[in-house]
Amino acid sequence: MRNLIRVASTVTIGGALLLGVTGVASAADGPANLTGKGCPSSYTNSASYGSYKQTLTRTFIAGNGFRYGDYNVTFINPATGPQPAGTREYRCY
């Protein structure tokens, strides 16, 4: 019984580690997080099957006193062309 519990806990820990690594890898394939990059006028990063281009639409000072930037996001796929991918807001510093 003790060996069975040991094997079960090892499999559980190994599965959690694998899930954690997989989650990080899949989360990285999207628009880059521009927080702390100073609100550039545009930013492009590579992704699977294309790239993401973020274009600054406005900056503003929020009630908390921090500066933020709003971005239009476009996914650019060489086979299908540009596709709108929503908007993002980042803190500029």
N, C-alpha and C. Protein backbone atom coordinates (compact mmCIF):
# COMPACT_ATOMS: atom_id res chain seq x y z
N MET A 1 0.82 -1.19 0.00
CA MET A 1 0.00 0.00 0.00
C MET A 1 0.86 1.26 0.00
N ARG A 2 1.94 1.22 0.77
CA ARG A 2 2.83 2.38 0.85
C ARG A 2 3.42 2.70 -0.53
N ASN A 3 3.83 1.66 -1.28
CA ASN A 3 4.38 1.86 -2.62
C ASN A 3 3.34 2.44 -3.57
N LEU A 4 2.10 2.00 -3.45
CA LEU A 4 1.02 2.51 -4.29
C LEU A 4 0.80 4.01 -4.05
N ILE A 5 0.82 4.42 -2.79
CA ILE A 5 0.66 5.84 -2.46
C ILE A 5 1.84 6.65 -3.00
N ARG A 6 3.04 6.12 -2.86
CA ARG A 6 4.23 6.80 -3.35
C ARG A 6 4.15 7.00 -4.88
N VAL A 7 3.74 5.96 -5.61
CA VAL A 7 3.61 6.04 -7.07
C VAL A 7 2.53 7.05 -7.44
N ALA A 8 1.41 7.02 -6.75
CA ALA A 8 0.31 7.94 -7.05
C ALA A 8 0.74 9.39 -6.83
N SER A 9 1.47 9.66 -5.75
CA SER A 9 1.90 11.04 -5.50
C SER A 9 2.95 11.48 -6.52
N THR A 10 3.81 10.58 -6.94
CA THR A 10 4.81 10.91 -7.96
C THR A 10 4.14 11.24 -9.29
N VAL A 11 3.15 10.45 -9.67
CA VAL A 11 2.43 10.70 -10.92
C VAL A 11 1.69 12.03 -10.84
N THR A 12 1.07 12.32 -9.70
CA THR A 12 0.34 13.57 -9.51
C THR A 12 1.28 14.77 -9.61
N ILE A 13 2.41 14.71 -8.94
CA ILE A 13 3.37 15.81 -9.00
C ILE A 13 3.92 15.97 -10.41
N GLY A 14 4.27 14.87 -11.05
CA GLY A 14 4.78 14.94 -12.42
C GLY A 14 3.75 15.52 -13.37
N GLY A 15 2.49 15.12 -13.22
CA GLY A 15 1.43 15.66 -14.06
C GLY A 15 1.23 17.15 -13.84
N ALA A 16 1.31 17.59 -12.59
CA ALA A 16 1.16 19.02 -12.30
C ALA A 16 2.31 19.82 -12.90
N LEU A 17 3.51 19.29 -12.81
CA LEU A 17 4.65 19.99 -13.41
C LEU A 17 4.51 20.08 -14.92
N LEU A 18 4.09 18.99 -15.55
CA LEU A 18 3.90 18.99 -16.99
C LEU A 18 2.81 19.97 -17.38
N LEU A 19 1.72 19.99 -16.64
CA LEU A 19 0.63 20.91 -16.91
C LEU A 19 1.10 22.35 -16.76
N GLY A 20 1.89 22.63 -15.72
CA GLY A 20 2.40 23.98 -15.52
C GLY A 20 3.29 24.43 -16.66
N VAL A 21 4.18 23.59 -17.11
CA VAL A 21 5.07 23.93 -18.22
C VAL A 21 4.27 24.14 -19.50
N THR A 22 3.30 23.27 -19.75
CA THR A 22 2.48 23.40 -20.95
C THR A 22 1.68 24.69 -20.90
N GLY A 23 1.12 25.03 -19.75
CA GLY A 23 0.34 26.26 -19.62
C GLY A 23 1.18 27.49 -19.91
N VAL A 24 2.41 27.54 -19.45
CA VAL A 24 3.29 28.67 -19.71
C VAL A 24 3.60 28.77 -21.19
N ALA A 25 3.87 27.66 -21.83
CA ALA A 25 4.23 27.67 -23.24
C ALA A 25 3.06 28.15 -24.09
N SER A 26 1.86 27.70 -23.80
CA SER A 26 0.73 28.10 -24.62
C SER A 26 0.33 29.55 -24.36
N ALA A 27 0.56 30.04 -23.14
CA ALA A 27 0.20 31.42 -22.83
C ALA A 27 1.13 32.41 -23.53
N ALA A 28 2.33 32.00 -23.86
CA ALA A 28 3.28 32.90 -24.50
C ALA A 28 2.94 33.16 -25.97
N ASP A 29 2.08 32.35 -26.57
CA ASP A 29 1.75 32.49 -27.98
C ASP A 29 0.55 33.42 -28.15
N GLY A 30 0.78 34.71 -28.05
CA GLY A 30 -0.25 35.71 -28.18
C GLY A 30 0.40 37.08 -28.24
N PRO A 31 -0.40 38.13 -28.17
CA PRO A 31 0.18 39.47 -28.18
C PRO A 31 1.12 39.66 -26.98
N ALA A 32 2.24 40.32 -27.19
CA ALA A 32 3.19 40.57 -26.11
C ALA A 32 2.58 41.48 -25.07
N ASN A 33 2.92 41.28 -23.82
CA ASN A 33 2.48 42.15 -22.74
C ASN A 33 3.37 43.40 -22.78
N LEU A 34 2.77 44.55 -23.03
CA LEU A 34 3.54 45.79 -23.18
C LEU A 34 3.64 46.59 -21.88
N THR A 35 3.13 46.07 -20.78
CA THR A 35 3.26 46.77 -19.51
C THR A 35 4.74 46.97 -19.20
N GLY A 36 5.12 48.20 -18.89
CA GLY A 36 6.50 48.50 -18.55
C GLY A 36 7.40 48.77 -19.74
N LYS A 37 6.85 48.81 -20.94
CA LYS A 37 7.66 49.07 -22.14
C LYS A 37 7.53 50.53 -22.60
N GLY A 38 6.88 51.38 -21.81
CA GLY A 38 6.83 52.80 -22.10
C GLY A 38 5.81 53.23 -23.14
N CYS A 39 4.83 52.42 -23.45
CA CYS A 39 3.78 52.71 -24.44
C CYS A 39 4.34 53.06 -25.82
N PRO A 40 4.98 52.12 -26.50
CA PRO A 40 5.47 52.38 -27.86
C PRO A 40 4.29 52.62 -28.81
N SER A 41 4.52 53.35 -29.91
CA SER A 41 3.44 53.63 -30.86
C SER A 41 2.96 52.36 -31.55
N SER A 42 3.85 51.39 -31.75
CA SER A 42 3.44 50.08 -32.26
C SER A 42 4.46 49.04 -31.82
N TYR A 43 4.02 47.79 -31.80
CA TYR A 43 4.88 46.70 -31.36
C TYR A 43 4.44 45.43 -32.06
N THR A 44 5.39 44.68 -32.61
CA THR A 44 5.08 43.43 -33.30
C THR A 44 5.87 42.29 -32.67
N ASN A 45 5.20 41.16 -32.44
CA ASN A 45 5.89 39.97 -31.95
C ASN A 45 5.43 38.75 -32.74
N SER A 46 6.34 37.79 -32.88
CA SER A 46 6.06 36.56 -33.62
C SER A 46 5.16 35.64 -32.82
N ALA A 47 4.38 34.84 -33.54
CA ALA A 47 3.51 33.84 -32.93
C ALA A 47 3.40 32.67 -33.89
N SER A 48 2.76 31.60 -33.46
CA SER A 48 2.54 30.46 -34.35
C SER A 48 1.72 30.93 -35.55
N TYR A 49 2.16 30.60 -36.72
CA TYR A 49 1.45 30.88 -37.97
C TYR A 49 1.32 32.36 -38.30
N GLY A 50 2.12 33.23 -37.71
CA GLY A 50 2.05 34.65 -38.06
C GLY A 50 2.66 35.53 -36.99
N SER A 51 2.10 36.73 -36.85
CA SER A 51 2.59 37.66 -35.85
C SER A 51 1.45 38.54 -35.35
N TYR A 52 1.67 39.16 -34.19
CA TYR A 52 0.71 40.10 -33.63
C TYR A 52 1.29 41.50 -33.73
N LYS A 53 0.49 42.44 -34.23
CA LYS A 53 0.90 43.85 -34.27
C LYS A 53 -0.07 44.62 -33.39
N GLN A 54 0.50 45.39 -32.46
CA GLN A 54 -0.30 46.22 -31.57
C GLN A 54 -0.02 47.68 -31.90
N THR A 55 -1.07 48.45 -32.10
CA THR A 55 -0.95 49.86 -32.47
C THR A 55 -1.61 50.72 -31.40
N LEU A 56 -0.85 51.67 -30.88
CA LEU A 56 -1.35 52.56 -29.83
C LEU A 56 -2.46 53.45 -30.37
N THR A 57 -3.60 53.48 -29.67
CA THR A 57 -4.71 54.34 -30.08
C THR A 57 -4.85 55.57 -29.19
N ARG A 58 -4.47 55.45 -27.90
CA ARG A 58 -4.51 56.61 -27.00
C ARG A 58 -3.76 56.29 -25.72
N THR A 59 -3.35 57.34 -25.03
CA THR A 59 -2.80 57.21 -23.69
C THR A 59 -3.63 58.09 -22.76
N PHE A 60 -3.65 57.74 -21.49
CA PHE A 60 -4.42 58.53 -20.53
C PHE A 60 -3.86 58.31 -19.13
N ILE A 61 -4.17 59.25 -18.24
CA ILE A 61 -3.80 59.14 -16.84
C ILE A 61 -5.06 58.68 -16.09
N ALA A 62 -4.97 57.55 -15.43
CA ALA A 62 -6.12 57.00 -14.69
C ALA A 62 -6.25 57.69 -13.33
N GLY A 63 -7.34 57.41 -12.65
CA GLY A 63 -7.60 57.98 -11.34
C GLY A 63 -6.54 57.63 -10.31
N ASN A 64 -5.81 56.55 -10.53
CA ASN A 64 -4.75 56.16 -9.60
C ASN A 64 -3.44 56.91 -9.86
N GLY A 65 -3.45 57.79 -10.89
CA GLY A 65 -2.27 58.59 -11.20
C GLY A 65 -1.30 57.94 -12.17
N PHE A 66 -1.55 56.71 -12.58
CA PHE A 66 -0.67 56.01 -13.51
C PHE A 66 -1.10 56.25 -14.95
N ARG A 67 -0.13 56.22 -15.85
CA ARG A 67 -0.38 56.39 -17.28
C ARG A 67 -0.64 55.03 -17.93
N TYR A 68 -1.65 54.97 -18.78
CA TYR A 68 -2.02 53.73 -19.48
C TYR A 68 -2.10 53.99 -20.98
N GLY A 69 -2.01 52.93 -21.76
CA GLY A 69 -2.17 53.02 -23.21
C GLY A 69 -3.13 51.96 -23.71
N ASP A 70 -4.00 52.36 -24.64
CA ASP A 70 -4.92 51.42 -25.28
C ASP A 70 -4.37 51.06 -26.65
N TYR A 71 -4.44 49.78 -27.00
CA TYR A 71 -3.88 49.26 -28.26
C TYR A 71 -4.92 48.46 -29.04
N ASN A 72 -4.95 48.67 -30.35
CA ASN A 72 -5.67 47.78 -31.25
C ASN A 72 -4.71 46.65 -31.61
N VAL A 73 -5.18 45.41 -31.55
CA VAL A 73 -4.35 44.25 -31.83
C VAL A 73 -4.80 43.62 -33.14
N THR A 74 -3.83 43.32 -34.01
CA THR A 74 -4.10 42.66 -35.28
C THR A 74 -3.22 41.43 -35.38
N PHE A 75 -3.84 40.29 -35.73
CA PHE A 75 -3.07 39.08 -35.99
C PHE A 75 -2.80 39.03 -37.48
N ILE A 76 -1.53 38.91 -37.86
CA ILE A 76 -1.15 38.91 -39.27
C ILE A 76 -0.70 37.50 -39.63
N ASN A 77 -1.50 36.84 -40.46
CA ASN A 77 -1.20 35.50 -40.95
C ASN A 77 -0.82 35.62 -42.42
N PRO A 78 0.37 35.17 -42.82
CA PRO A 78 0.79 35.31 -44.22
C PRO A 78 -0.18 34.67 -45.21
N ALA A 79 -0.87 33.62 -44.81
CA ALA A 79 -1.79 32.92 -45.72
C ALA A 79 -3.14 33.62 -45.85
N THR A 80 -3.63 34.20 -44.75
CA THR A 80 -4.98 34.78 -44.77
C THR A 80 -5.02 36.29 -44.63
N GLY A 81 -3.89 36.91 -44.31
CA GLY A 81 -3.85 38.36 -44.16
C GLY A 81 -4.17 38.81 -42.74
N PRO A 82 -4.29 40.13 -42.54
CA PRO A 82 -4.52 40.67 -41.20
C PRO A 82 -5.95 40.38 -40.71
N GLN A 83 -6.05 40.07 -39.42
CA GLN A 83 -7.34 39.81 -38.79
C GLN A 83 -7.39 40.55 -37.46
N PRO A 84 -8.45 41.34 -37.21
CA PRO A 84 -8.56 42.04 -35.92
C PRO A 84 -8.55 41.04 -34.76
N ALA A 85 -7.84 41.38 -33.70
CA ALA A 85 -7.73 40.49 -32.54
C ALA A 85 -8.07 41.22 -31.24
N GLY A 86 -8.93 42.23 -31.32
CA GLY A 86 -9.39 42.91 -30.12
C GLY A 86 -8.53 44.09 -29.71
N THR A 87 -8.70 44.50 -28.46
CA THR A 87 -7.95 45.62 -27.90
C THR A 87 -7.32 45.18 -26.59
N ARG A 88 -6.28 45.90 -26.20
CA ARG A 88 -5.58 45.65 -24.94
C ARG A 88 -5.27 46.98 -24.28
N GLU A 89 -5.13 46.95 -22.97
CA GLU A 89 -4.74 48.13 -22.21
C GLU A 89 -3.54 47.77 -21.34
N TYR A 90 -2.51 48.61 -21.37
CA TYR A 90 -1.29 48.36 -20.61
C TYR A 90 -0.89 49.59 -19.82
N ARG A 91 -0.24 49.37 -18.69
CA ARG A 91 0.31 50.48 -17.91
C ARG A 91 1.66 50.87 -18.49
N CYS A 92 1.84 52.16 -18.72
CA CYS A 92 3.08 52.68 -19.32
C CYS A 92 4.05 53.12 -18.22
N TYR A 93 5.25 52.61 -18.24
CA TYR A 93 6.32 53.10 -17.37
C TYR A 93 7.63 52.62 -17.89
